[in-house]
Protein backbone atom coordinates (compact mmCIF):
# COMPACT_ATOMS: atom_id res chain seq x y z
CA MET A 1 6.10 12.33 16.09
CA LYS A 2 2.81 11.24 17.68
CA GLU A 3 1.42 7.58 17.24
CA GLU A 4 -1.74 5.88 18.45
CA ASN A 5 -4.06 2.97 17.75
CA VAL A 6 -7.38 4.38 16.44
CA GLN A 7 -10.73 2.91 15.45
CA TYR A 8 -11.43 4.27 11.98
CA PHE A 9 -13.93 1.63 10.55
CA GLU A 10 -16.66 -0.28 12.45
CA ASN A 11 -14.71 -2.18 15.15
CA VAL A 12 -11.38 -1.99 13.21
CA MET A 13 -8.38 -0.48 14.83
CA GLY A 14 -5.53 1.02 12.71
CA PHE A 15 -2.11 2.41 13.66
CA TYR A 16 -1.82 6.13 12.99
CA VAL A 17 1.24 8.17 12.95
CA GLU A 18 1.78 11.99 12.32
CA PRO A 19 4.78 14.19 12.17
CA ALA A 20 5.59 16.63 14.86
CA ASP A 21 4.82 19.46 12.41
CA VAL A 22 1.42 18.54 11.29
CA ALA A 23 0.48 21.63 9.47
CA ASP A 24 -0.53 21.03 5.89
CA ALA A 25 0.73 17.32 6.23
CA PRO A 26 -0.99 15.20 3.37
CA GLY A 27 -2.38 11.68 4.36
CA VAL A 28 -1.28 8.33 3.01
CA VAL A 29 -3.28 5.12 3.60
CA MET A 30 -0.82 2.20 4.24
CA ILE A 31 -1.91 -1.26 3.58
CA HIS A 32 -0.25 -4.48 4.79
CA GLU A 33 1.10 -7.53 3.18
CA ALA A 34 -0.57 -11.02 3.92
CA TRP A 35 1.01 -10.82 7.38
CA GLY A 36 -1.30 -8.29 8.85
CA LEU A 37 -0.67 -5.15 10.55
CA ASN A 38 2.66 -6.24 11.99
CA GLU A 39 5.89 -4.25 13.28
CA ASN A 40 7.47 -4.21 9.82
CA ILE A 41 4.43 -2.13 8.58
CA LYS A 42 4.36 0.14 11.78
CA ASN A 43 8.08 0.83 10.88
CA TYR A 44 7.18 1.82 7.52
CA ALA A 45 4.45 4.12 8.80
CA ARG A 46 6.93 5.68 11.21
CA LYS A 47 9.37 6.18 8.32
CA LEU A 48 6.82 7.81 6.04
CA ALA A 49 5.43 10.05 8.99
CA GLY A 50 9.07 11.01 9.54
CA GLU A 51 8.99 12.56 5.99
CA GLY A 52 6.03 14.70 6.90
CA TYR A 53 2.77 12.69 6.32
CA ARG A 54 -0.15 11.67 8.24
CA VAL A 55 -0.05 7.86 7.98
CA LEU A 56 -2.83 5.50 8.96
CA ALA A 57 -1.84 1.81 8.52
CA VAL A 58 -4.95 -0.06 8.18
CA ASP A 59 -6.07 -3.51 9.27
CA MET A 60 -7.69 -5.49 6.63
CA PHE A 61 -8.31 -8.72 8.54
CA GLY A 62 -10.15 -7.31 11.49
CA GLU A 63 -7.66 -8.32 14.00
CA ILE A 64 -3.92 -7.05 14.66
CA PHE A 65 -1.82 -10.13 14.29
CA ASP A 66 1.23 -10.51 16.81
CA SER A 67 3.90 -7.85 15.79
CA ASP A 68 6.37 -10.70 15.19
CA ILE A 69 4.17 -12.55 12.53
CA ASN A 70 6.02 -12.15 9.20
CA SER A 71 7.00 -14.24 6.15
CA ALA A 72 9.12 -16.51 8.52
CA ALA A 73 6.05 -17.80 10.17
CA ASP A 74 5.30 -21.53 10.89
CA ASP A 75 3.08 -23.63 8.69
CA ALA A 76 0.02 -23.06 11.01
CA THR A 77 0.36 -19.35 11.03
CA ARG A 78 0.73 -19.18 7.40
CA GLN A 79 -2.37 -21.15 6.79
CA LYS A 80 -4.24 -18.73 9.07
CA VAL A 81 -2.95 -15.82 7.24
CA PHE A 82 -3.82 -17.14 3.78
CA ALA A 83 -7.18 -18.23 4.99
CA LYS A 84 -7.81 -14.59 5.87
CA ILE A 85 -6.80 -13.45 2.33
CA GLN A 86 -9.00 -15.98 0.69
CA GLY A 87 -11.98 -15.13 2.87
CA ILE A 88 -11.60 -11.40 2.26
CA ASP A 89 -15.06 -9.70 1.24
CA GLN A 90 -13.84 -6.99 -1.23
CA ASP A 91 -16.87 -4.88 -0.71
CA LYS A 92 -16.33 -4.67 3.02
CA ALA A 93 -12.40 -4.29 2.20
CA THR A 94 -13.04 -1.41 0.02
CA ALA A 95 -15.32 0.21 2.71
CA ASN A 96 -12.55 -0.24 5.01
CA LEU A 97 -10.06 1.66 2.84
CA ARG A 98 -12.38 4.39 2.06
CA ALA A 99 -13.21 4.85 5.69
CA ALA A 100 -9.32 5.10 6.10
CA VAL A 101 -9.37 8.02 3.57
CA GLY A 102 -12.26 9.73 5.46
CA PHE A 103 -10.23 9.47 8.67
CA LEU A 104 -7.21 11.16 7.31
CA ARG A 105 -9.21 13.89 5.79
CA GLN A 106 -10.94 14.32 9.09
CA ARG A 107 -7.60 14.64 10.71
CA GLY A 108 -6.73 17.62 8.31
CA ALA A 109 -5.23 15.97 5.22
CA LYS A 110 -6.05 17.85 2.04
CA LYS A 111 -4.47 15.36 -0.21
CA VAL A 112 -4.48 11.61 0.32
CA GLY A 113 -2.53 8.92 -1.29
CA SER A 114 -2.21 5.07 -0.77
CA ILE A 115 0.64 2.55 -0.58
CA GLY A 116 0.61 -1.20 -0.15
CA TRP A 117 2.87 -4.29 -0.61
CA CYS A 118 1.77 -7.56 -2.08
CA PHE A 119 -1.84 -8.16 -0.79
CA GLY A 120 -1.81 -4.55 0.18
CA GLY A 121 -0.51 -3.55 -3.29
CA ALA A 122 -3.64 -5.15 -4.92
CA GLN A 123 -5.83 -3.34 -2.18
CA SER A 124 -4.02 -0.20 -3.02
CA LEU A 125 -5.25 -0.64 -6.61
CA GLN A 126 -8.65 -1.44 -5.39
CA LEU A 127 -8.93 1.78 -3.46
CA ALA A 128 -7.98 3.64 -6.61
CA VAL A 129 -10.70 2.16 -8.44
CA SER A 130 -13.37 2.39 -5.95
CA GLY A 131 -14.69 5.74 -6.84
CA GLU A 132 -12.74 7.41 -4.02
CA LYS A 133 -11.02 10.63 -5.16
CA MET A 134 -7.29 10.08 -4.54
CA ASP A 135 -4.23 12.05 -5.35
CA ALA A 136 -1.51 9.40 -5.61
CA THR A 137 -1.49 5.50 -5.63
CA VAL A 138 1.63 3.33 -4.97
CA ILE A 139 1.62 -0.46 -5.77
CA TYR A 140 4.33 -2.68 -4.58
CA TYR A 141 3.98 -6.02 -6.48
CA GLY A 142 0.25 -6.26 -5.86
CA ARG A 143 -2.11 -8.41 -8.15
CA LEU A 144 -3.08 -6.30 -11.24
CA PHE A 145 -5.96 -6.24 -13.73
CA THR A 146 -6.36 -4.27 -17.04
CA ASP A 147 -10.06 -3.68 -17.25
CA ALA A 148 -10.36 -0.25 -18.91
CA ASP A 149 -13.63 0.69 -17.40
CA LYS A 150 -12.37 -0.02 -13.98
CA LEU A 151 -8.91 1.75 -14.44
CA SER A 152 -10.59 4.86 -16.11
CA LYS A 153 -11.56 5.69 -12.62
CA ILE A 154 -7.91 6.59 -11.87
CA THR A 155 -7.35 10.39 -12.75
CA TRP A 156 -4.14 10.78 -10.70
CA PRO A 157 -0.53 9.49 -10.97
CA VAL A 158 0.32 5.83 -10.22
CA LEU A 159 3.77 4.39 -9.18
CA GLY A 160 4.18 0.72 -9.68
CA ILE A 161 7.24 -1.23 -8.19
CA PHE A 162 7.78 -4.77 -9.28
CA ALA A 163 10.33 -7.59 -9.46
CA ALA A 164 11.62 -9.25 -12.67
CA LEU A 165 11.72 -12.71 -11.03
CA ASP A 166 8.06 -12.62 -9.57
CA ALA A 167 6.38 -15.77 -10.78
CA HIS A 168 3.05 -14.44 -9.48
CA ILE A 169 3.05 -10.83 -10.87
CA THR A 170 5.11 -11.32 -13.73
CA PRO A 171 6.91 -8.58 -15.91
CA ALA A 172 4.35 -9.47 -18.78
CA MET A 173 1.33 -8.65 -16.46
CA VAL A 174 3.00 -5.49 -15.38
CA LYS A 175 3.44 -4.35 -19.04
CA ASP A 176 0.03 -4.96 -19.77
CA PHE A 177 -1.11 -2.94 -16.94
CA GLU A 178 1.45 -0.17 -17.84
CA THR A 179 -0.01 -0.13 -21.46
CA ALA A 180 -3.72 -0.01 -20.01
CA LEU A 181 -2.77 3.02 -17.93
CA LYS A 182 -1.14 4.60 -21.02
CA SER A 183 -4.05 3.88 -23.20
CA LEU A 184 -6.23 5.89 -20.48
CA HIS A 185 -3.56 8.64 -20.44
CA VAL A 186 -3.00 7.94 -16.61
CA THR A 187 0.18 9.46 -15.53
CA ASN A 188 2.42 6.48 -14.29
CA GLU A 189 5.80 5.36 -13.45
CA ILE A 190 6.27 1.53 -13.73
CA ILE A 191 9.45 0.03 -12.39
CA ILE A 192 10.69 -3.64 -12.80
CA TYR A 193 13.78 -4.22 -10.81
CA PRO A 194 15.95 -6.92 -12.29
CA ASN A 195 17.43 -9.86 -10.47
CA VAL A 196 14.97 -9.51 -7.50
CA ASN A 197 11.81 -11.57 -6.56
CA HIS A 198 8.31 -10.95 -4.93
CA ALA A 199 8.53 -9.31 -1.66
CA PHE A 200 11.99 -7.95 -2.11
CA ALA A 201 11.12 -4.92 0.14
CA ASN A 202 10.18 -6.97 3.14
CA PRO A 203 13.16 -7.02 5.52
CA THR A 204 11.80 -9.96 7.37
CA GLY A 205 11.59 -12.25 4.25
CA GLN A 206 13.89 -14.60 2.46
CA ASN A 207 13.52 -12.48 -0.71
CA PHE A 208 14.67 -9.10 0.86
CA SER A 209 16.97 -6.99 -1.34
CA PRO A 210 18.45 -4.15 0.60
CA THR A 211 19.69 -2.11 -2.37
CA GLU A 212 16.63 -2.33 -4.52
CA SER A 213 14.25 -1.81 -1.58
CA ALA A 214 16.29 1.34 -0.44
CA ASP A 215 15.95 2.64 -4.01
CA ALA A 216 12.39 1.95 -4.22
CA TRP A 217 11.68 3.81 -0.96
CA ILE A 218 13.57 6.74 -2.32
CA LYS A 219 11.53 6.79 -5.41
CA THR A 220 8.22 6.43 -3.30
CA ILE A 221 9.17 9.33 -1.33
CA ARG A 222 9.92 11.27 -4.25
CA PHE A 223 6.61 10.32 -5.84
CA PHE A 224 4.54 11.29 -2.74
CA LYS A 225 6.43 14.42 -2.58
CA GLU A 226 5.65 15.46 -6.18
CA ASN A 227 1.88 14.49 -5.99
CA LEU A 228 0.89 15.15 -2.33
CA LYS A 229 3.03 17.95 -1.46
CA GLY A 230 3.35 19.73 -4.87
């Protein structure tokens, strides 16, 4: 396996990992949570590359935070992180993500998908409706919308993974999103895990649920295999 920090958009550096056997390996844009491109995301990138994918973990904040910054951060750091999110220029963020797709294609990926958690899940959806041609979209408990005109740009399968106890991305919101996708005949698999909360797949957080997280990862790998390697 090969990994390196790469400049893929303006002066932005991402974390790129590819498998030892890179021939015909699809690409995946990986989008971090509110905590930036930290060690947790890099580990997910390594895990996915180990399954046979070129993975570019992007930096949406224009800086790589310290690798130990996570949901257990102190109040000052949390304020800094949330300020980054509130100050996001979506047009530039979308350009960042589309540049990541271009980078993976330049590296040889014929099919490209995306995956993101929380803030990154919302950005995975933003990439899907950006006009960029994708092959698979995975959203872990990211902010959703149901605008049919926007969602109609999606012509490939979507996997959505959510938590029943999530007070921010509620099951009702998820059901509305699922209904909108079905009305547009977008192939989708929407999973709401019972008895878990937002960010249940983050091993550094208080809401981490190992069993559900492992199951969600199995479903993610299966989804990518079916839609990026099929």
